[in-house]
Amino acid sequence: MARLLHNMDFSLRVNRKAVATDASPDRDQQFRHISSLRTRFESQGLPIISVDTKKRELVGNFRNNGVKWCRTPLRVNDHDFRSDAIGVAIPYAARGDARRAGTRRNPRGPNVPS
């Protein structure tokens, strides 16, 4: 079946983020405000910290995107209910812009250089 589909120019594909949503009317004003704060803090020699958080992820026996080679499928919960989760993980990174140095939180130990 895979060969037939491939011969008809089909292939396995993933979703691609390409549809832009309308920008907030306040977006430019928000960035101008952040820029002015950054300039003020830099001129006073104060630290500037950038924190980047990612999507919340449920921790537990849940399906994830991706594949792996194995002989039998891994059995996971049929629904991703938060009540079935062991917890919620929020990956993040923090960076001190003035020195261009940063750290990424390691859940198994202290901060490690990024």
N, C-alpha and C. Protein backbone atom coordinates (compact mmCIF):
# COMPACT_ATOMS: atom_id res chain seq x y z
N MET A 1 0.82 -1.17 0.00
CA MET A 1 0.00 0.00 0.00
C MET A 1 0.88 1.26 0.00
N ALA A 2 1.92 1.23 0.82
CA ALA A 2 2.81 2.39 0.89
C ALA A 2 3.44 2.67 -0.46
N ARG A 3 3.85 1.62 -1.17
CA ARG A 3 4.48 1.80 -2.48
C ARG A 3 3.49 2.40 -3.47
N LEU A 4 2.25 1.91 -3.45
CA LEU A 4 1.23 2.45 -4.36
C LEU A 4 0.99 3.94 -4.09
N LEU A 5 0.84 4.28 -2.81
CA LEU A 5 0.62 5.69 -2.46
C LEU A 5 1.82 6.54 -2.87
N HIS A 6 3.02 6.04 -2.62
CA HIS A 6 4.23 6.80 -3.00
C HIS A 6 4.28 7.01 -4.52
N ASN A 7 3.91 6.00 -5.28
CA ASN A 7 3.90 6.13 -6.75
C ASN A 7 2.86 7.14 -7.23
N MET A 8 1.86 7.42 -6.38
CA MET A 8 0.85 8.42 -6.73
C MET A 8 1.18 9.78 -6.10
N ASP A 9 2.46 9.97 -5.71
CA ASP A 9 2.96 11.23 -5.12
C ASP A 9 2.40 11.55 -3.75
N PHE A 10 1.98 10.53 -3.00
CA PHE A 10 1.60 10.71 -1.60
C PHE A 10 2.84 10.46 -0.75
N SER A 11 2.90 11.11 0.41
CA SER A 11 3.96 10.82 1.36
C SER A 11 3.46 11.17 2.76
N LEU A 12 4.15 10.63 3.77
CA LEU A 12 3.78 10.95 5.14
C LEU A 12 4.12 12.41 5.40
N ARG A 13 3.23 13.11 6.01
CA ARG A 13 3.42 14.54 6.24
C ARG A 13 3.00 14.89 7.66
N VAL A 14 3.53 15.97 8.16
CA VAL A 14 3.13 16.52 9.45
C VAL A 14 2.49 17.88 9.20
N ASN A 15 1.71 18.34 10.15
CA ASN A 15 1.12 19.67 10.03
C ASN A 15 2.21 20.72 10.02
N ARG A 16 2.02 21.76 9.23
CA ARG A 16 2.99 22.86 9.17
C ARG A 16 2.28 24.15 9.53
N LYS A 17 2.83 24.85 10.49
CA LYS A 17 2.24 26.13 10.90
C LYS A 17 2.56 27.16 9.84
N ALA A 18 1.52 27.59 9.11
CA ALA A 18 1.74 28.55 8.03
C ALA A 18 0.62 29.58 7.93
N VAL A 19 -0.46 29.38 8.66
CA VAL A 19 -1.60 30.28 8.58
C VAL A 19 -1.42 31.35 9.65
N ALA A 20 -1.22 32.58 9.21
CA ALA A 20 -1.01 33.69 10.15
C ALA A 20 -2.35 34.21 10.65
N THR A 21 -2.39 34.49 11.92
CA THR A 21 -3.59 35.09 12.49
C THR A 21 -3.41 36.61 12.50
N ASP A 22 -4.50 37.31 12.67
CA ASP A 22 -4.42 38.77 12.73
C ASP A 22 -3.61 39.20 13.95
N ALA A 23 -2.76 40.17 13.76
CA ALA A 23 -1.95 40.70 14.85
C ALA A 23 -2.81 41.58 15.75
N SER A 24 -2.45 41.60 17.01
CA SER A 24 -3.15 42.46 17.96
C SER A 24 -2.89 43.92 17.60
N PRO A 25 -3.91 44.78 17.70
CA PRO A 25 -3.69 46.19 17.39
C PRO A 25 -2.71 46.86 18.36
N ASP A 26 -2.51 46.26 19.53
CA ASP A 26 -1.61 46.82 20.53
C ASP A 26 -0.21 46.23 20.46
N ARG A 27 0.04 45.33 19.52
CA ARG A 27 1.31 44.62 19.47
C ARG A 27 2.52 45.56 19.34
N ASP A 28 2.46 46.52 18.42
CA ASP A 28 3.57 47.44 18.24
C ASP A 28 3.81 48.27 19.50
N GLN A 29 2.74 48.70 20.14
CA GLN A 29 2.85 49.48 21.36
C GLN A 29 3.50 48.65 22.47
N GLN A 30 3.16 47.36 22.56
CA GLN A 30 3.75 46.48 23.57
C GLN A 30 5.26 46.38 23.37
N PHE A 31 5.70 46.20 22.12
CA PHE A 31 7.13 46.06 21.86
C PHE A 31 7.87 47.38 22.08
N ARG A 32 7.25 48.51 21.77
CA ARG A 32 7.89 49.80 22.05
C ARG A 32 8.07 49.98 23.56
N HIS A 33 7.08 49.58 24.34
CA HIS A 33 7.17 49.68 25.80
C HIS A 33 8.30 48.80 26.33
N ILE A 34 8.37 47.56 25.86
CA ILE A 34 9.44 46.64 26.29
C ILE A 34 10.80 47.21 25.90
N SER A 35 10.91 47.76 24.70
CA SER A 35 12.18 48.34 24.24
C SER A 35 12.61 49.51 25.12
N SER A 36 11.66 50.36 25.50
CA SER A 36 12.02 51.51 26.34
C SER A 36 12.45 51.04 27.73
N LEU A 37 11.79 50.02 28.28
CA LEU A 37 12.21 49.49 29.58
C LEU A 37 13.61 48.89 29.49
N ARG A 38 13.86 48.17 28.41
CA ARG A 38 15.18 47.56 28.22
C ARG A 38 16.26 48.63 28.17
N THR A 39 16.02 49.69 27.40
CA THR A 39 16.99 50.78 27.29
C THR A 39 17.23 51.42 28.65
N ARG A 40 16.17 51.67 29.40
CA ARG A 40 16.29 52.29 30.72
C ARG A 40 17.08 51.40 31.68
N PHE A 41 16.79 50.09 31.69
CA PHE A 41 17.51 49.18 32.59
C PHE A 41 18.98 49.08 32.20
N GLU A 42 19.28 49.00 30.90
CA GLU A 42 20.67 48.91 30.44
C GLU A 42 21.44 50.15 30.85
N SER A 43 20.84 51.32 30.71
CA SER A 43 21.54 52.56 31.05
C SER A 43 21.84 52.65 32.54
N GLN A 44 21.04 51.98 33.37
CA GLN A 44 21.25 51.99 34.81
C GLN A 44 22.10 50.81 35.27
N GLY A 45 22.52 49.96 34.31
CA GLY A 45 23.34 48.80 34.66
C GLY A 45 22.57 47.70 35.36
N LEU A 46 21.26 47.71 35.23
CA LEU A 46 20.43 46.69 35.88
C LEU A 46 20.32 45.46 34.99
N PRO A 47 20.14 44.29 35.59
CA PRO A 47 20.04 43.07 34.79
C PRO A 47 18.74 43.01 34.00
N ILE A 48 18.83 42.38 32.85
CA ILE A 48 17.65 42.16 32.00
C ILE A 48 17.53 40.66 31.82
N ILE A 49 16.41 40.11 32.19
CA ILE A 49 16.21 38.67 32.11
C ILE A 49 15.06 38.38 31.17
N SER A 50 15.30 37.49 30.23
CA SER A 50 14.28 37.05 29.29
C SER A 50 13.87 35.64 29.66
N VAL A 51 12.58 35.41 29.84
CA VAL A 51 12.08 34.08 30.19
C VAL A 51 11.17 33.60 29.07
N ASP A 52 11.45 32.41 28.58
CA ASP A 52 10.69 31.82 27.49
C ASP A 52 10.02 30.56 28.00
N THR A 53 8.69 30.55 28.09
CA THR A 53 7.99 29.35 28.53
C THR A 53 7.35 28.67 27.33
N LYS A 54 7.22 27.37 27.44
CA LYS A 54 6.66 26.57 26.37
C LYS A 54 5.28 26.07 26.78
N LYS A 55 4.66 25.35 25.88
CA LYS A 55 3.33 24.80 26.11
C LYS A 55 3.36 23.85 27.32
N ARG A 56 2.32 23.91 28.12
CA ARG A 56 2.20 22.98 29.25
C ARG A 56 2.04 21.57 28.72
N GLU A 57 2.74 20.64 29.33
CA GLU A 57 2.68 19.24 28.92
C GLU A 57 2.21 18.39 30.09
N LEU A 58 1.25 17.52 29.84
CA LEU A 58 0.81 16.60 30.86
C LEU A 58 1.86 15.51 31.04
N VAL A 59 2.12 15.15 32.29
CA VAL A 59 3.09 14.10 32.58
C VAL A 59 2.30 12.85 32.95
N GLY A 60 2.56 11.78 32.24
CA GLY A 60 1.87 10.53 32.52
C GLY A 60 1.85 9.63 31.30
N ASN A 61 0.97 8.66 31.31
CA ASN A 61 0.88 7.66 30.26
C ASN A 61 0.00 8.17 29.12
N PHE A 62 0.51 9.18 28.38
CA PHE A 62 -0.26 9.83 27.33
C PHE A 62 0.42 9.65 25.98
N ARG A 63 -0.38 9.74 24.94
CA ARG A 63 0.13 9.66 23.57
C ARG A 63 0.94 10.92 23.29
N ASN A 64 2.02 10.77 22.53
CA ASN A 64 2.76 11.94 22.10
C ASN A 64 2.98 11.86 20.59
N ASN A 65 3.28 12.98 19.98
CA ASN A 65 3.54 13.00 18.55
C ASN A 65 4.91 12.41 18.30
N GLY A 66 5.01 11.61 17.29
CA GLY A 66 6.29 10.99 16.97
C GLY A 66 6.12 9.49 16.82
N VAL A 67 7.16 8.86 16.37
CA VAL A 67 7.13 7.42 16.15
C VAL A 67 8.42 6.81 16.67
N LYS A 68 8.38 5.51 16.91
CA LYS A 68 9.60 4.79 17.26
C LYS A 68 9.46 3.37 16.74
N TRP A 69 10.58 2.75 16.45
CA TRP A 69 10.58 1.39 15.95
C TRP A 69 10.46 0.45 17.14
N CYS A 70 9.47 -0.43 17.11
CA CYS A 70 9.32 -1.45 18.14
C CYS A 70 8.45 -2.58 17.59
N ARG A 71 8.38 -3.68 18.29
CA ARG A 71 7.61 -4.83 17.82
C ARG A 71 6.14 -4.74 18.17
N THR A 72 5.82 -4.09 19.26
CA THR A 72 4.42 -3.94 19.67
C THR A 72 4.17 -2.48 20.02
N PRO A 73 2.94 -2.03 19.81
CA PRO A 73 2.65 -0.63 20.14
C PRO A 73 2.64 -0.40 21.65
N LEU A 74 3.05 0.78 22.04
CA LEU A 74 3.01 1.17 23.44
C LEU A 74 1.58 1.54 23.79
N ARG A 75 1.05 0.94 24.83
CA ARG A 75 -0.33 1.21 25.22
C ARG A 75 -0.37 2.44 26.12
N VAL A 76 -1.19 3.41 25.74
CA VAL A 76 -1.32 4.65 26.51
C VAL A 76 -2.79 4.93 26.76
N ASN A 77 -3.07 5.91 27.61
CA ASN A 77 -4.46 6.29 27.90
C ASN A 77 -5.17 6.68 26.62
N ASP A 78 -6.47 6.36 26.53
CA ASP A 78 -7.22 6.70 25.32
C ASP A 78 -7.63 8.16 25.27
N HIS A 79 -7.55 8.88 26.38
CA HIS A 79 -7.83 10.32 26.42
C HIS A 79 -6.77 11.01 27.26
N ASP A 80 -6.51 12.26 26.95
CA ASP A 80 -5.52 13.04 27.70
C ASP A 80 -6.23 13.94 28.70
N PHE A 81 -6.77 13.36 29.75
CA PHE A 81 -7.44 14.14 30.77
C PHE A 81 -6.43 14.60 31.81
N ARG A 82 -6.49 15.87 32.16
CA ARG A 82 -5.56 16.40 33.15
C ARG A 82 -5.69 15.67 34.49
N SER A 83 -6.90 15.20 34.80
CA SER A 83 -7.11 14.49 36.06
C SER A 83 -6.34 13.16 36.10
N ASP A 84 -5.96 12.62 34.94
CA ASP A 84 -5.19 11.37 34.89
C ASP A 84 -3.68 11.63 34.92
N ALA A 85 -3.27 12.87 34.90
CA ALA A 85 -1.85 13.21 34.84
C ALA A 85 -1.19 13.09 36.21
N ILE A 86 0.08 12.71 36.19
CA ILE A 86 0.89 12.70 37.40
C ILE A 86 1.19 14.14 37.80
N GLY A 87 1.29 15.00 36.81
CA GLY A 87 1.58 16.41 37.02
C GLY A 87 1.59 17.14 35.69
N VAL A 88 2.00 18.40 35.73
CA VAL A 88 2.09 19.21 34.53
C VAL A 88 3.50 19.79 34.47
N ALA A 89 4.16 19.66 33.33
CA ALA A 89 5.50 20.22 33.15
C ALA A 89 5.40 21.46 32.26
N ILE A 90 6.13 22.50 32.62
CA ILE A 90 6.18 23.72 31.82
C ILE A 90 7.65 23.99 31.50
N PRO A 91 8.13 23.48 30.36
CA PRO A 91 9.53 23.73 29.99
C PRO A 91 9.79 25.22 29.84
N TYR A 92 10.96 25.67 30.25
CA TYR A 92 11.29 27.08 30.08
C TYR A 92 12.80 27.28 30.01
N ALA A 93 13.17 28.42 29.55
CA ALA A 93 14.58 28.83 29.53
C ALA A 93 14.63 30.28 29.99
N ALA A 94 15.68 30.63 30.69
CA ALA A 94 15.88 32.02 31.13
C ALA A 94 17.24 32.48 30.62
N ARG A 95 17.30 33.73 30.20
CA ARG A 95 18.56 34.25 29.65
C ARG A 95 18.77 35.67 30.14
N GLY A 96 19.99 35.94 30.57
CA GLY A 96 20.36 37.30 30.95
C GLY A 96 20.91 37.99 29.71
N ASP A 97 20.15 38.87 29.10
CA ASP A 97 20.51 39.45 27.81
C ASP A 97 21.77 40.30 27.84
N ALA A 98 22.02 40.98 28.93
CA ALA A 98 23.16 41.90 28.96
C ALA A 98 24.47 41.16 28.71
N ARG A 99 24.61 39.96 29.25
CA ARG A 99 25.85 39.20 29.07
C ARG A 99 25.72 38.15 27.97
N ARG A 100 24.54 38.01 27.39
CA ARG A 100 24.28 36.99 26.37
C ARG A 100 24.54 35.59 26.93
N ALA A 101 24.34 35.41 28.23
CA ALA A 101 24.52 34.11 28.87
C ALA A 101 23.17 33.67 29.40
N GLY A 102 22.97 32.38 29.50
CA GLY A 102 21.68 31.93 29.98
C GLY A 102 21.76 30.59 30.65
N THR A 103 20.62 30.18 31.17
CA THR A 103 20.51 28.87 31.79
C THR A 103 19.21 28.24 31.34
N ARG A 104 19.22 26.95 31.34
CA ARG A 104 18.00 26.20 31.05
C ARG A 104 17.76 25.30 32.25
N ARG A 105 16.57 25.29 32.76
CA ARG A 105 16.25 24.53 33.95
C ARG A 105 16.32 23.04 33.64
N ASN A 106 17.10 22.31 34.42
CA ASN A 106 17.21 20.87 34.28
C ASN A 106 16.35 20.25 35.39
N PRO A 107 15.29 19.50 35.04
CA PRO A 107 14.40 18.97 36.07
C PRO A 107 15.09 17.99 37.01
N ARG A 108 16.25 17.47 36.62
CA ARG A 108 16.93 16.48 37.46
C ARG A 108 18.04 17.09 38.30
N GLY A 109 18.25 18.37 38.20
CA GLY A 109 19.35 18.95 38.97
C GLY A 109 19.39 20.44 38.84
N PRO A 110 20.52 21.04 39.20
CA PRO A 110 20.64 22.52 39.15
C PRO A 110 20.66 23.03 37.72
N ASN A 111 20.58 24.33 37.60
CA ASN A 111 20.62 24.96 36.27
C ASN A 111 21.92 24.60 35.57
N VAL A 112 21.82 24.35 34.28
CA VAL A 112 22.99 24.03 33.49
C VAL A 112 23.13 25.08 32.40
N PRO A 113 24.34 25.41 31.98
CA PRO A 113 24.50 26.42 30.92
C PRO A 113 23.80 25.98 29.65
N SER A 114 23.21 26.94 28.94
CA SER A 114 22.54 26.59 27.68
C SER A 114 23.46 26.83 26.52
